[in-house]
N, C-alpha and C. Protein backbone atom coordinates (compact mmCIF):
# COMPACT_ATOMS: atom_id res chain seq x y z
N MET A 1 58.72 134.47 119.30
CA MET A 1 59.91 133.58 119.43
C MET A 1 61.16 134.72 119.75
N SER A 2 61.78 134.36 120.83
CA SER A 2 62.88 135.14 121.19
C SER A 2 64.24 134.94 120.46
N LYS A 3 64.93 135.91 120.34
CA LYS A 3 66.13 135.85 119.67
C LYS A 3 67.06 135.07 120.44
N PRO A 4 68.07 134.34 119.93
CA PRO A 4 69.07 133.51 120.71
C PRO A 4 70.17 134.55 121.09
N GLU A 5 70.56 134.35 122.31
CA GLU A 5 71.69 135.26 122.94
C GLU A 5 73.03 135.07 122.11
N LEU A 6 73.65 136.15 121.81
CA LEU A 6 74.90 136.13 121.11
C LEU A 6 76.03 135.56 122.25
N SER A 7 77.00 134.90 121.66
CA SER A 7 78.14 134.45 122.50
C SER A 7 78.93 135.57 123.01
N LEU A 8 79.35 135.51 124.23
CA LEU A 8 80.02 136.57 124.89
C LEU A 8 81.59 136.48 124.64
N LEU A 9 81.98 135.25 124.19
CA LEU A 9 83.22 134.71 123.95
C LEU A 9 83.50 134.54 122.41
N ASN A 10 84.42 135.32 121.94
CA ASN A 10 84.73 135.19 120.42
C ASN A 10 86.12 135.45 120.16
N VAL A 11 86.60 134.65 119.05
CA VAL A 11 87.97 134.90 118.58
C VAL A 11 88.04 135.80 117.37
N PHE A 12 88.88 136.68 117.45
CA PHE A 12 89.01 137.61 116.29
C PHE A 12 90.47 137.61 115.82
N GLU A 13 90.63 137.52 114.42
CA GLU A 13 91.91 137.67 113.87
C GLU A 13 92.16 139.10 113.41
N VAL A 14 92.89 139.79 113.87
CA VAL A 14 93.22 141.21 113.42
C VAL A 14 94.64 141.31 113.00
N SER A 15 94.88 142.33 112.21
CA SER A 15 96.16 142.46 111.74
C SER A 15 96.60 144.00 111.94
N THR A 16 97.63 144.11 112.67
CA THR A 16 98.32 145.47 113.09
C THR A 16 99.61 145.58 112.52
N ASP A 17 99.80 146.67 111.72
CA ASP A 17 101.20 146.90 111.10
C ASP A 17 101.63 145.65 110.39
N GLY A 18 100.74 144.81 109.68
CA GLY A 18 101.17 143.80 108.75
C GLY A 18 101.34 142.41 109.75
N VAL A 19 101.07 142.49 111.02
CA VAL A 19 101.33 141.28 111.98
C VAL A 19 99.73 140.82 112.32
N HIS A 20 99.66 139.54 112.12
CA HIS A 20 98.49 138.91 112.47
C HIS A 20 98.41 138.60 113.99
N HIS A 21 97.23 138.80 114.56
CA HIS A 21 96.98 138.54 116.00
C HIS A 21 95.66 137.68 116.17
N HIS A 22 95.78 136.74 117.00
CA HIS A 22 94.56 136.00 117.17
C HIS A 22 94.02 136.34 118.60
N LEU A 23 93.02 136.90 118.82
CA LEU A 23 92.47 137.51 120.14
C LEU A 23 91.39 136.75 120.58
N ILE A 24 91.24 136.39 121.78
CA ILE A 24 90.14 135.84 122.46
C ILE A 24 89.48 136.99 123.20
N CYS A 25 88.23 137.39 122.93
CA CYS A 25 87.65 138.45 123.47
C CYS A 25 86.28 138.32 124.34
N PHE A 26 86.08 138.95 125.24
CA PHE A 26 84.79 138.88 125.96
C PHE A 26 83.99 140.12 125.29
N LEU A 27 83.44 139.66 124.13
CA LEU A 27 82.84 140.76 123.25
C LEU A 27 82.09 139.89 122.22
N ASP A 28 80.67 140.35 122.00
CA ASP A 28 79.92 139.74 121.07
C ASP A 28 80.30 140.40 119.75
N VAL A 29 80.01 139.60 118.60
CA VAL A 29 80.48 140.03 117.30
C VAL A 29 79.71 141.23 116.81
N LEU A 30 78.50 141.52 117.22
CA LEU A 30 77.79 142.71 116.76
C LEU A 30 78.44 143.95 117.47
N LEU A 31 78.74 143.87 118.70
CA LEU A 31 79.35 144.99 119.45
C LEU A 31 80.74 145.21 118.85
N ALA A 32 81.48 144.18 118.42
CA ALA A 32 82.89 144.37 117.90
C ALA A 32 82.70 145.12 116.64
N GLY A 33 81.62 144.69 115.81
CA GLY A 33 81.47 145.29 114.45
C GLY A 33 81.20 146.91 114.65
N SER A 34 80.28 147.13 115.67
CA SER A 34 79.81 148.52 115.75
C SER A 34 80.79 149.53 116.53
N ARG A 35 81.55 148.94 117.49
CA ARG A 35 82.57 149.77 118.35
C ARG A 35 83.94 149.39 117.95
N GLY A 36 84.26 148.32 117.44
CA GLY A 36 85.61 147.81 117.33
C GLY A 36 85.95 146.93 118.57
N ILE A 37 87.21 146.60 118.67
CA ILE A 37 87.76 145.83 119.68
C ILE A 37 88.48 146.72 120.78
N ASP A 38 87.95 146.89 121.83
CA ASP A 38 88.54 147.60 122.99
C ASP A 38 89.48 146.77 123.73
N SER A 39 90.61 147.12 123.94
CA SER A 39 91.73 146.26 124.51
C SER A 39 91.13 145.70 125.95
N ARG A 40 90.24 146.39 126.57
CA ARG A 40 89.75 145.88 127.93
C ARG A 40 89.05 144.73 127.78
N SER A 41 88.46 144.45 126.67
CA SER A 41 87.66 143.25 126.36
C SER A 41 88.43 142.02 125.84
N VAL A 42 89.71 142.22 125.57
CA VAL A 42 90.66 141.19 125.00
C VAL A 42 91.01 140.44 126.17
N ILE A 43 90.67 139.15 126.30
CA ILE A 43 91.08 138.28 127.52
C ILE A 43 92.54 137.85 127.11
N GLY A 44 92.90 137.65 125.94
CA GLY A 44 94.31 137.32 125.75
C GLY A 44 94.60 137.09 124.17
N GLU A 45 95.81 136.75 123.93
CA GLU A 45 96.10 136.47 122.70
C GLU A 45 96.78 134.97 122.52
N PHE A 46 96.64 134.24 121.34
CA PHE A 46 97.26 132.97 121.20
C PHE A 46 97.77 132.77 119.75
N THR A 47 98.59 131.84 119.52
CA THR A 47 98.99 131.41 118.33
C THR A 47 98.23 130.08 117.92
N PRO A 48 97.57 130.00 116.88
CA PRO A 48 96.76 128.90 116.47
C PRO A 48 97.68 127.66 116.34
N SER A 49 97.19 126.42 116.39
CA SER A 49 98.01 125.22 116.06
C SER A 49 98.14 125.22 114.50
N ASP A 50 98.89 124.28 114.06
CA ASP A 50 99.05 124.08 112.62
C ASP A 50 97.64 123.83 111.92
N GLY A 51 96.70 123.26 112.61
CA GLY A 51 95.40 123.13 112.03
C GLY A 51 94.53 124.33 112.16
N GLY A 52 95.02 125.33 112.72
CA GLY A 52 94.29 126.59 113.08
C GLY A 52 93.32 126.73 114.22
N ALA A 53 93.54 125.70 115.06
CA ALA A 53 92.86 125.68 116.30
C ALA A 53 93.37 126.55 117.47
N PHE A 54 92.60 126.76 118.56
CA PHE A 54 93.03 127.37 119.69
C PHE A 54 94.12 126.47 120.38
N ASP A 55 95.16 127.07 120.63
CA ASP A 55 96.39 126.44 121.28
C ASP A 55 96.62 126.95 122.67
N LEU A 56 96.07 126.30 123.67
CA LEU A 56 96.21 126.70 125.08
C LEU A 56 97.48 126.97 125.50
N GLU A 57 98.53 126.30 125.10
CA GLU A 57 99.85 126.45 125.41
C GLU A 57 100.52 127.76 125.08
N THR A 58 100.03 128.31 124.04
CA THR A 58 100.43 129.61 123.48
C THR A 58 99.62 130.91 124.06
N PHE A 59 98.63 130.57 124.79
CA PHE A 59 97.79 131.67 125.26
C PHE A 59 98.40 132.46 126.27
N GLN A 60 98.31 133.83 126.06
CA GLN A 60 98.93 134.99 126.96
C GLN A 60 97.80 135.86 127.42
N VAL A 61 97.55 135.86 128.67
CA VAL A 61 96.54 136.72 129.26
C VAL A 61 96.84 138.18 129.00
N ASN A 62 95.81 139.02 128.78
CA ASN A 62 95.94 140.50 128.64
C ASN A 62 95.94 141.10 129.97
N PRO A 63 96.96 141.80 130.43
CA PRO A 63 96.97 142.52 131.76
C PRO A 63 95.82 143.48 131.97
N ASN A 64 95.45 144.10 130.81
CA ASN A 64 94.35 145.09 130.91
C ASN A 64 93.04 144.46 131.21
N PHE A 65 92.76 143.28 130.71
CA PHE A 65 91.50 142.48 130.94
C PHE A 65 91.62 142.20 132.55
N ILE A 66 92.75 141.73 133.06
CA ILE A 66 92.68 141.37 134.46
C ILE A 66 92.54 142.66 135.32
N GLU A 67 93.06 143.86 134.90
CA GLU A 67 92.70 145.05 135.59
C GLU A 67 91.19 145.28 135.55
N VAL A 68 90.66 145.20 134.49
CA VAL A 68 89.13 145.40 134.51
C VAL A 68 88.43 144.43 135.25
N PHE A 69 88.83 143.11 135.29
CA PHE A 69 88.14 142.14 136.09
C PHE A 69 88.19 142.58 137.67
N VAL A 70 89.38 142.96 138.12
CA VAL A 70 89.69 143.34 139.50
C VAL A 70 88.77 144.57 139.79
N GLN A 71 88.74 145.60 138.80
CA GLN A 71 87.88 146.76 139.13
C GLN A 71 86.34 146.42 139.28
N TYR A 72 85.95 145.39 138.52
CA TYR A 72 84.53 144.97 138.39
C TYR A 72 84.30 144.16 139.83
N MET A 73 85.29 143.40 140.30
CA MET A 73 85.12 142.69 141.46
C MET A 73 85.00 143.69 142.70
N ASN A 74 85.82 144.67 142.59
CA ASN A 74 85.84 145.76 143.65
C ASN A 74 84.73 146.70 143.64
N GLU A 75 84.10 147.00 142.50
CA GLU A 75 83.06 147.96 142.43
C GLU A 75 81.58 147.24 142.29
N CYS A 76 81.57 146.02 141.75
CA CYS A 76 80.18 145.60 141.59
C CYS A 76 80.03 144.13 142.32
N ALA A 77 80.83 143.24 142.08
CA ALA A 77 80.71 141.93 142.69
C ALA A 77 80.72 141.94 144.21
N ILE A 78 81.50 142.93 144.71
CA ILE A 78 81.56 142.96 146.21
C ILE A 78 80.15 143.24 146.88
N ASN A 79 79.26 143.90 146.08
CA ASN A 79 77.84 143.95 146.59
C ASN A 79 76.94 142.78 146.32
N SER A 80 77.43 141.68 145.88
CA SER A 80 76.57 140.40 145.66
C SER A 80 76.14 139.90 147.01
N PRO A 81 74.73 139.66 147.09
CA PRO A 81 74.30 139.17 148.50
C PRO A 81 75.04 137.86 148.82
N GLU A 82 75.35 136.93 147.86
CA GLU A 82 76.03 135.71 148.20
C GLU A 82 77.46 136.11 148.81
N ILE A 83 78.11 136.92 148.24
CA ILE A 83 79.43 137.15 148.70
C ILE A 83 79.43 137.90 150.05
N ILE A 84 78.44 138.76 150.26
CA ILE A 84 78.28 139.41 151.56
C ILE A 84 77.88 138.49 152.66
N ARG A 85 77.05 137.55 152.29
CA ARG A 85 76.69 136.39 153.21
C ARG A 85 77.93 135.55 153.63
N GLU A 86 78.65 135.10 152.59
CA GLU A 86 79.81 134.38 152.91
C GLU A 86 80.82 134.98 153.78
N ALA A 87 81.04 136.36 153.54
CA ALA A 87 82.04 137.27 154.17
C ALA A 87 81.64 137.18 155.63
N SER A 88 80.29 137.35 156.04
CA SER A 88 79.75 137.47 157.33
C SER A 88 80.35 136.38 158.38
N SER A 89 80.57 135.28 157.73
CA SER A 89 81.05 134.16 158.59
C SER A 89 82.49 133.90 158.62
N ARG A 90 83.26 134.85 157.98
CA ARG A 90 84.77 134.82 157.80
C ARG A 90 85.38 136.00 158.38
N SER A 91 85.08 136.50 159.63
CA SER A 91 85.76 137.64 160.08
C SER A 91 87.10 137.58 160.29
N SER A 92 87.92 138.55 159.96
CA SER A 92 89.32 138.67 160.02
C SER A 92 89.90 137.61 159.21
N ASP A 93 89.49 137.30 158.06
CA ASP A 93 90.00 136.26 157.19
C ASP A 93 89.92 136.66 155.70
N TRP A 94 90.23 135.85 154.84
CA TRP A 94 90.06 135.93 153.33
C TRP A 94 88.95 135.13 152.90
N LEU A 95 88.17 135.66 152.07
CA LEU A 95 87.21 134.97 151.31
C LEU A 95 87.50 134.62 150.00
N TYR A 96 87.85 133.42 149.79
CA TYR A 96 88.31 132.83 148.46
C TYR A 96 87.11 132.58 147.51
N LEU A 97 87.30 132.92 146.31
CA LEU A 97 86.12 132.80 145.24
C LEU A 97 86.59 131.65 144.26
N LEU A 98 85.73 130.70 144.14
CA LEU A 98 86.01 129.66 143.11
C LEU A 98 85.42 130.01 141.72
N ASP A 99 86.05 129.53 140.70
CA ASP A 99 85.54 129.86 139.50
C ASP A 99 84.17 129.10 139.47
N PRO A 100 83.14 129.64 138.85
CA PRO A 100 81.81 128.91 138.66
C PRO A 100 81.87 127.53 138.01
N ARG A 101 82.99 127.24 137.20
CA ARG A 101 83.02 126.08 136.42
C ARG A 101 83.44 124.81 137.44
N THR A 102 83.84 125.08 138.51
CA THR A 102 84.42 124.19 139.51
C THR A 102 83.19 123.17 139.96
N PRO A 103 83.49 121.82 139.72
CA PRO A 103 82.32 121.12 140.17
C PRO A 103 82.25 121.02 141.59
N GLY A 104 81.02 120.72 142.18
CA GLY A 104 80.83 120.71 143.60
C GLY A 104 81.87 119.81 144.49
N GLU A 105 82.20 118.66 143.81
CA GLU A 105 82.89 117.77 144.69
C GLU A 105 84.41 118.23 144.72
N PHE A 106 84.83 119.21 144.00
CA PHE A 106 86.16 119.78 144.12
C PHE A 106 86.20 121.14 144.94
N SER A 107 85.11 121.61 145.39
CA SER A 107 85.00 122.89 146.00
C SER A 107 85.74 122.93 147.39
N ASN A 108 85.86 121.73 148.01
CA ASN A 108 86.60 121.61 149.49
C ASN A 108 88.12 121.59 149.18
N ASP A 109 88.59 121.19 148.19
CA ASP A 109 89.92 121.13 147.87
C ASP A 109 90.28 121.57 146.55
N PRO A 110 90.06 122.79 146.10
CA PRO A 110 90.20 123.37 144.78
C PRO A 110 91.53 123.35 144.25
N LEU A 111 91.74 123.19 143.05
CA LEU A 111 93.14 123.44 142.27
C LEU A 111 93.31 124.98 142.31
N ALA A 112 94.64 125.44 142.32
CA ALA A 112 94.82 126.81 142.26
C ALA A 112 94.29 127.37 141.04
N SER A 113 94.20 126.66 139.98
CA SER A 113 93.67 127.19 138.69
C SER A 113 92.25 127.49 138.73
N ASP A 114 91.52 126.89 139.73
CA ASP A 114 90.13 127.09 139.90
C ASP A 114 89.75 128.26 140.93
N LEU A 115 90.68 128.87 141.53
CA LEU A 115 90.62 129.83 142.43
C LEU A 115 90.65 131.22 141.67
N VAL A 116 89.54 132.01 141.65
CA VAL A 116 89.53 133.32 140.87
C VAL A 116 90.32 134.38 141.62
N GLY A 117 90.09 134.36 143.02
CA GLY A 117 90.84 135.36 143.73
C GLY A 117 90.23 135.39 145.16
N CYS A 118 90.35 136.42 145.99
CA CYS A 118 89.88 136.60 147.12
C CYS A 118 89.68 138.07 147.64
N PHE A 119 88.75 138.28 148.53
CA PHE A 119 88.55 139.48 149.29
C PHE A 119 88.92 139.38 150.71
N ALA A 120 89.52 140.51 151.19
CA ALA A 120 89.83 140.58 152.63
C ALA A 120 88.56 140.87 153.49
N VAL A 121 88.38 140.27 154.52
CA VAL A 121 87.19 140.41 155.35
C VAL A 121 87.69 140.98 156.82
N ASP A 122 87.03 142.08 157.26
CA ASP A 122 87.45 142.66 158.40
C ASP A 122 86.91 141.93 159.68
N ASP A 123 87.22 142.43 160.85
CA ASP A 123 86.83 141.67 162.05
C ASP A 123 85.34 141.75 162.27
N THR A 124 84.54 142.46 161.60
CA THR A 124 83.14 142.48 161.71
C THR A 124 82.41 141.69 160.72
N GLY A 125 83.18 141.03 159.79
CA GLY A 125 82.64 140.19 158.75
C GLY A 125 82.19 140.87 157.56
N GLN A 126 82.70 142.10 157.42
CA GLN A 126 82.44 143.00 156.15
C GLN A 126 83.71 142.81 155.32
N ILE A 127 83.43 142.97 153.96
CA ILE A 127 84.46 142.94 153.02
C ILE A 127 85.16 144.18 153.04
N VAL A 128 86.39 144.19 153.06
CA VAL A 128 87.31 145.41 152.97
C VAL A 128 87.12 145.90 151.59
N PRO A 129 86.82 147.11 151.50
CA PRO A 129 86.53 147.94 150.10
C PRO A 129 87.92 147.80 149.43
N ARG A 130 87.79 147.51 148.04
CA ARG A 130 88.90 147.63 147.14
C ARG A 130 90.04 146.56 147.58
N SER A 131 89.52 145.45 148.15
CA SER A 131 90.67 144.44 148.57
C SER A 131 90.69 143.27 147.73
N PHE A 132 90.00 143.22 146.65
CA PHE A 132 89.97 141.95 145.78
C PHE A 132 91.38 141.70 145.13
N GLN A 133 91.92 140.52 145.38
CA GLN A 133 93.18 140.27 144.72
C GLN A 133 92.86 139.02 143.73
N TYR A 134 93.23 139.26 142.56
CA TYR A 134 93.19 138.27 141.51
C TYR A 134 94.26 137.17 141.76
N ASN A 135 93.91 135.91 141.48
CA ASN A 135 94.91 134.81 141.61
C ASN A 135 95.59 134.58 140.35
N ARG A 136 96.83 134.93 140.18
CA ARG A 136 97.47 134.79 138.95
C ARG A 136 97.67 133.48 138.50
N GLU A 137 97.29 132.43 139.29
CA GLU A 137 97.43 131.09 138.87
C GLU A 137 95.97 130.48 138.25
N HIS A 138 94.97 131.39 138.45
CA HIS A 138 93.77 131.10 137.85
C HIS A 138 93.89 130.92 136.30
N ARG A 139 93.09 129.97 135.76
CA ARG A 139 93.17 129.73 134.24
C ARG A 139 91.85 129.94 133.78
N TRP A 140 91.88 130.97 132.81
CA TRP A 140 90.52 131.29 132.17
C TRP A 140 90.16 130.22 131.23
N PHE A 141 91.08 129.45 130.69
CA PHE A 141 90.75 128.27 129.96
C PHE A 141 91.60 127.16 130.47
N ASP A 142 90.93 126.10 130.96
CA ASP A 142 91.56 124.91 131.57
C ASP A 142 91.26 123.68 130.52
N PRO A 143 92.41 123.06 130.36
CA PRO A 143 92.32 121.79 129.42
C PRO A 143 91.36 120.76 130.08
N VAL A 144 91.12 120.70 131.26
CA VAL A 144 90.16 119.73 131.75
C VAL A 144 88.79 120.24 132.08
N ARG A 145 88.67 121.36 132.66
CA ARG A 145 87.32 121.91 133.14
C ARG A 145 86.84 122.92 132.20
N GLY A 146 87.57 123.40 131.19
CA GLY A 146 87.09 124.23 130.17
C GLY A 146 87.21 125.74 130.35
N VAL A 147 86.22 126.45 129.82
CA VAL A 147 86.28 127.93 129.88
C VAL A 147 85.77 128.38 131.27
N SER A 148 86.43 129.45 131.90
CA SER A 148 86.03 129.98 133.06
C SER A 148 84.53 130.19 132.99
N GLY A 149 83.76 130.00 134.07
CA GLY A 149 82.42 130.32 134.32
C GLY A 149 82.21 131.84 134.39
N VAL A 150 83.19 132.60 134.67
CA VAL A 150 83.23 134.12 134.81
C VAL A 150 82.82 134.60 133.38
N LEU A 151 83.29 133.88 132.41
CA LEU A 151 83.09 134.44 131.03
C LEU A 151 81.77 134.26 130.42
N SER A 152 80.78 133.64 131.39
CA SER A 152 79.52 133.45 131.01
C SER A 152 78.57 134.43 131.83
N ASP A 153 79.19 135.33 132.61
CA ASP A 153 78.44 136.21 133.52
C ASP A 153 78.00 137.41 132.80
N ARG A 154 76.68 137.46 132.49
CA ARG A 154 76.15 138.69 131.63
C ARG A 154 76.35 139.96 132.49
N THR A 155 76.28 139.77 133.72
CA THR A 155 76.23 141.08 134.63
C THR A 155 77.79 141.70 134.33
N PHE A 156 78.74 140.92 134.39
CA PHE A 156 80.15 141.25 134.17
C PHE A 156 80.20 141.82 132.81
N TYR A 157 79.66 141.15 131.80
CA TYR A 157 79.66 141.62 130.41
C TYR A 157 79.07 143.08 130.21
N ARG A 158 77.81 143.09 130.90
CA ARG A 158 77.08 144.49 130.77
C ARG A 158 78.00 145.52 131.43
N TRP A 159 78.68 145.24 132.46
CA TRP A 159 79.60 146.09 133.29
C TRP A 159 80.77 146.60 132.24
N VAL A 160 81.32 145.60 131.66
CA VAL A 160 82.46 145.85 130.71
C VAL A 160 81.99 146.70 129.53
N HIS A 161 80.87 146.39 129.10
CA HIS A 161 80.42 147.15 127.85
C HIS A 161 78.98 147.86 128.17
N PRO A 162 79.04 148.92 128.83
CA PRO A 162 77.80 149.65 129.13
C PRO A 162 77.36 150.37 127.96
N LEU A 163 76.11 150.75 127.95
CA LEU A 163 75.58 151.44 126.93
C LEU A 163 76.45 152.80 126.50
N THR A 164 77.00 153.29 127.50
CA THR A 164 77.93 154.42 127.30
C THR A 164 79.32 153.87 127.82
N ASP A 165 80.35 154.33 126.97
CA ASP A 165 81.71 153.79 127.34
C ASP A 165 82.18 154.15 128.67
N ARG A 166 82.91 153.22 129.31
CA ARG A 166 83.52 153.54 130.72
C ARG A 166 85.03 153.31 130.67
N LYS A 167 85.68 153.77 129.61
CA LYS A 167 87.07 153.46 129.39
C LYS A 167 87.93 154.07 130.47
N GLY A 168 87.53 155.21 131.02
CA GLY A 168 88.37 155.85 132.01
C GLY A 168 88.40 155.34 133.41
N GLY A 169 87.40 154.39 133.64
CA GLY A 169 87.22 153.84 134.91
C GLY A 169 86.07 154.34 135.68
């Protein structure tokens, strides 16, 4: 019998200098317990509702997490066969990437909150290195569509949390 996979998305309540913080992290509980919470894995912070639940209206994204995501897209995702194939048909254009949570019927006219970002494509249909631009209107947590599908990507998770730390880039 195989072990169930741990959730990649967890909420941690931490106290720093007597101030309580509620962090949503791209970090499983075992790794958090063994290594601590690296700011690179903190998606953002929120203030819980009166009942203690996640309050989307108070959520603030962590700029460090966005930097890590952009770095991942430029170093790893850029080599995805699917992304390379899509780019080959879009010379001298932008290749826009939809959040994996976006239902197929919405992919032709997506909401700004469902666009993760884009890569520049050169005139030969190749992705321009280090060109990924994150869409600041993207919502990691959407009240209708739910959690971003990016946060289910175990390849991204393993890249953020390698067996040896990659804190310096």
